[in-house]
Amino acid sequence: MTKKTQATYESAITELESIINQMESGQLPLEQSLSAYKRGAELIKLCQQSLTEAEQQVRILNENGVLKPFEATA
């Protein structure tokens, strides 16, 4: 993961933990709970994408012995 990706991953995890704590408290009204759930799903997708990219970089490293930049395809 690049520093930017790592920062994004770390901030997404932090935000996701905050959302989980809010939802588990049971204090959010239904509409806010739905919004929080949607945001959590977006954050999970971002984290999964970051981890997939990191995994691909590790595969490249293992195959060639040198870590090369990975360019994600959409």
N, C-alpha and C. Protein backbone atom coordinates (compact mmCIF):
# COMPACT_ATOMS: atom_id res chain seq x y z
N MET A 1 0.85 -1.17 0.00
CA MET A 1 0.00 0.00 0.00
C MET A 1 0.89 1.24 0.00
N THR A 2 0.53 2.20 -0.78
CA THR A 2 1.26 3.46 -0.76
C THR A 2 0.87 4.22 0.50
N LYS A 3 1.64 5.27 0.82
CA LYS A 3 1.32 6.04 2.02
C LYS A 3 -0.07 6.63 1.95
N LYS A 4 -0.47 7.12 0.76
CA LYS A 4 -1.80 7.70 0.60
C LYS A 4 -2.86 6.64 0.81
N THR A 5 -2.67 5.46 0.20
CA THR A 5 -3.63 4.37 0.36
C THR A 5 -3.69 3.93 1.80
N GLN A 6 -2.52 3.83 2.45
CA GLN A 6 -2.49 3.41 3.84
C GLN A 6 -3.22 4.41 4.72
N ALA A 7 -2.99 5.70 4.49
CA ALA A 7 -3.68 6.73 5.27
C ALA A 7 -5.18 6.62 5.06
N THR A 8 -5.59 6.40 3.83
CA THR A 8 -7.00 6.25 3.53
C THR A 8 -7.56 5.01 4.21
N TYR A 9 -6.81 3.92 4.16
CA TYR A 9 -7.24 2.67 4.80
C TYR A 9 -7.36 2.87 6.30
N GLU A 10 -6.35 3.46 6.90
CA GLU A 10 -6.37 3.67 8.35
C GLU A 10 -7.52 4.59 8.77
N SER A 11 -7.75 5.65 8.03
CA SER A 11 -8.84 6.56 8.39
C SER A 11 -10.19 5.89 8.18
N ALA A 12 -10.29 5.04 7.16
CA ALA A 12 -11.54 4.32 6.91
C ALA A 12 -11.83 3.35 8.05
N ILE A 13 -10.80 2.66 8.52
CA ILE A 13 -10.97 1.73 9.64
C ILE A 13 -11.41 2.48 10.89
N THR A 14 -10.79 3.62 11.14
CA THR A 14 -11.14 4.43 12.31
C THR A 14 -12.59 4.89 12.23
N GLU A 15 -12.99 5.38 11.05
CA GLU A 15 -14.38 5.83 10.89
C GLU A 15 -15.35 4.66 11.03
N LEU A 16 -14.98 3.52 10.47
CA LEU A 16 -15.84 2.34 10.55
C LEU A 16 -16.02 1.90 12.00
N GLU A 17 -14.96 1.92 12.78
CA GLU A 17 -15.07 1.57 14.20
C GLU A 17 -16.00 2.53 14.94
N SER A 18 -15.92 3.81 14.59
CA SER A 18 -16.79 4.80 15.21
C SER A 18 -18.26 4.53 14.87
N ILE A 19 -18.51 4.21 13.61
CA ILE A 19 -19.88 3.90 13.18
C ILE A 19 -20.40 2.67 13.92
N ILE A 20 -19.57 1.66 14.03
CA ILE A 20 -19.98 0.44 14.73
C ILE A 20 -20.34 0.75 16.18
N ASN A 21 -19.51 1.54 16.84
CA ASN A 21 -19.79 1.90 18.24
C ASN A 21 -21.11 2.66 18.36
N GLN A 22 -21.36 3.59 17.44
CA GLN A 22 -22.61 4.35 17.47
C GLN A 22 -23.81 3.43 17.28
N MET A 23 -23.69 2.52 16.31
CA MET A 23 -24.82 1.63 16.02
C MET A 23 -25.06 0.64 17.17
N GLU A 24 -23.98 0.15 17.77
CA GLU A 24 -24.12 -0.80 18.86
C GLU A 24 -24.71 -0.15 20.12
N SER A 25 -24.55 1.16 20.23
CA SER A 25 -25.08 1.85 21.41
C SER A 25 -26.61 1.83 21.42
N GLY A 26 -27.21 1.67 20.25
CA GLY A 26 -28.66 1.65 20.16
C GLY A 26 -29.30 3.01 20.30
N GLN A 27 -28.52 4.07 20.24
CA GLN A 27 -29.03 5.42 20.45
C GLN A 27 -29.37 6.15 19.16
N LEU A 28 -29.04 5.57 18.00
CA LEU A 28 -29.32 6.25 16.73
C LEU A 28 -30.76 6.01 16.29
N PRO A 29 -31.43 7.04 15.84
CA PRO A 29 -32.75 6.85 15.24
C PRO A 29 -32.63 6.01 13.97
N LEU A 30 -33.73 5.46 13.53
CA LEU A 30 -33.73 4.55 12.39
C LEU A 30 -33.06 5.16 11.16
N GLU A 31 -33.42 6.37 10.80
CA GLU A 31 -32.88 6.99 9.61
C GLU A 31 -31.36 7.17 9.71
N GLN A 32 -30.88 7.58 10.87
CA GLN A 32 -29.43 7.72 11.06
C GLN A 32 -28.74 6.37 11.04
N SER A 33 -29.41 5.35 11.55
CA SER A 33 -28.85 4.00 11.51
C SER A 33 -28.69 3.52 10.07
N LEU A 34 -29.69 3.81 9.24
CA LEU A 34 -29.60 3.43 7.83
C LEU A 34 -28.47 4.16 7.13
N SER A 35 -28.33 5.44 7.40
CA SER A 35 -27.24 6.23 6.81
C SER A 35 -25.89 5.70 7.28
N ALA A 36 -25.79 5.38 8.55
CA ALA A 36 -24.54 4.86 9.09
C ALA A 36 -24.22 3.51 8.46
N TYR A 37 -25.22 2.68 8.26
CA TYR A 37 -25.03 1.37 7.63
C TYR A 37 -24.49 1.54 6.21
N LYS A 38 -25.10 2.46 5.46
CA LYS A 38 -24.66 2.70 4.09
C LYS A 38 -23.22 3.19 4.05
N ARG A 39 -22.88 4.12 4.95
CA ARG A 39 -21.52 4.64 5.00
C ARG A 39 -20.55 3.52 5.38
N GLY A 40 -20.95 2.69 6.31
CA GLY A 40 -20.11 1.55 6.71
C GLY A 40 -19.85 0.61 5.55
N ALA A 41 -20.87 0.36 4.73
CA ALA A 41 -20.70 -0.50 3.56
C ALA A 41 -19.70 0.11 2.58
N GLU A 42 -19.77 1.44 2.40
CA GLU A 42 -18.81 2.13 1.52
C GLU A 42 -17.39 2.00 2.05
N LEU A 43 -17.24 2.16 3.35
CA LEU A 43 -15.91 2.07 3.97
C LEU A 43 -15.35 0.65 3.86
N ILE A 44 -16.20 -0.34 4.04
CA ILE A 44 -15.76 -1.73 3.90
C ILE A 44 -15.27 -1.98 2.49
N LYS A 45 -15.99 -1.48 1.51
CA LYS A 45 -15.58 -1.65 0.11
C LYS A 45 -14.22 -1.00 -0.14
N LEU A 46 -14.02 0.21 0.39
CA LEU A 46 -12.75 0.91 0.23
C LEU A 46 -11.61 0.11 0.88
N CYS A 47 -11.85 -0.42 2.06
CA CYS A 47 -10.83 -1.21 2.75
C CYS A 47 -10.51 -2.50 1.99
N GLN A 48 -11.53 -3.16 1.49
CA GLN A 48 -11.31 -4.38 0.72
C GLN A 48 -10.49 -4.10 -0.53
N GLN A 49 -10.78 -3.00 -1.19
CA GLN A 49 -10.04 -2.62 -2.38
C GLN A 49 -8.57 -2.34 -2.03
N SER A 50 -8.33 -1.62 -0.95
CA SER A 50 -6.96 -1.33 -0.52
C SER A 50 -6.20 -2.62 -0.20
N LEU A 51 -6.86 -3.55 0.47
CA LEU A 51 -6.22 -4.82 0.82
C LEU A 51 -5.94 -5.66 -0.43
N THR A 52 -6.85 -5.64 -1.39
CA THR A 52 -6.65 -6.36 -2.64
C THR A 52 -5.44 -5.82 -3.39
N GLU A 53 -5.31 -4.50 -3.42
CA GLU A 53 -4.16 -3.88 -4.09
C GLU A 53 -2.86 -4.26 -3.39
N ALA A 54 -2.87 -4.26 -2.06
CA ALA A 54 -1.67 -4.64 -1.31
C ALA A 54 -1.32 -6.10 -1.57
N GLU A 55 -2.32 -6.95 -1.62
CA GLU A 55 -2.10 -8.37 -1.90
C GLU A 55 -1.48 -8.56 -3.29
N GLN A 56 -1.95 -7.79 -4.25
CA GLN A 56 -1.41 -7.88 -5.60
C GLN A 56 0.06 -7.46 -5.63
N GLN A 57 0.40 -6.42 -4.87
CA GLN A 57 1.79 -5.99 -4.80
C GLN A 57 2.68 -7.08 -4.19
N VAL A 58 2.17 -7.77 -3.18
CA VAL A 58 2.92 -8.86 -2.57
C VAL A 58 3.12 -9.99 -3.58
N ARG A 59 2.10 -10.28 -4.37
CA ARG A 59 2.24 -11.32 -5.40
C ARG A 59 3.31 -10.93 -6.41
N ILE A 60 3.32 -9.67 -6.82
CA ILE A 60 4.34 -9.20 -7.77
C ILE A 60 5.72 -9.35 -7.14
N LEU A 61 5.84 -9.00 -5.87
CA LEU A 61 7.12 -9.12 -5.17
C LEU A 61 7.57 -10.57 -5.13
N ASN A 62 6.67 -11.46 -4.80
CA ASN A 62 7.01 -12.87 -4.71
C ASN A 62 7.43 -13.45 -6.06
N GLU A 63 6.83 -12.97 -7.12
CA GLU A 63 7.13 -13.51 -8.44
C GLU A 63 8.45 -12.98 -8.99
N ASN A 64 8.79 -11.73 -8.72
CA ASN A 64 9.94 -11.10 -9.33
C ASN A 64 11.05 -10.73 -8.36
N GLY A 65 10.80 -10.82 -7.08
CA GLY A 65 11.81 -10.48 -6.11
C GLY A 65 11.96 -9.00 -5.83
N VAL A 66 11.21 -8.16 -6.55
CA VAL A 66 11.27 -6.71 -6.36
C VAL A 66 9.85 -6.18 -6.33
N LEU A 67 9.55 -5.36 -5.33
CA LEU A 67 8.23 -4.76 -5.24
C LEU A 67 8.08 -3.67 -6.28
N LYS A 68 7.09 -3.82 -7.14
CA LYS A 68 6.84 -2.83 -8.18
C LYS A 68 5.52 -2.13 -7.88
N PRO A 69 5.40 -0.89 -8.30
CA PRO A 69 4.13 -0.18 -8.11
C PRO A 69 3.00 -0.93 -8.82
N PHE A 70 1.87 -1.00 -8.17
CA PHE A 70 0.70 -1.67 -8.74
C PHE A 70 -0.30 -0.62 -9.18
N GLU A 71 -0.73 -0.72 -10.39
CA GLU A 71 -1.76 0.19 -10.88
C GLU A 71 -3.06 -0.58 -10.99
N ALA A 72 -4.01 -0.18 -10.17
CA ALA A 72 -5.30 -0.87 -10.13
C ALA A 72 -6.07 -0.61 -11.41
N THR A 73 -6.75 -1.64 -11.85
CA THR A 73 -7.65 -1.48 -13.01
C THR A 73 -9.06 -1.41 -12.50
N ALA A 74 -9.84 -0.56 -13.10
CA ALA A 74 -11.23 -0.36 -12.65
C ALA A 74 -12.11 -1.49 -13.08
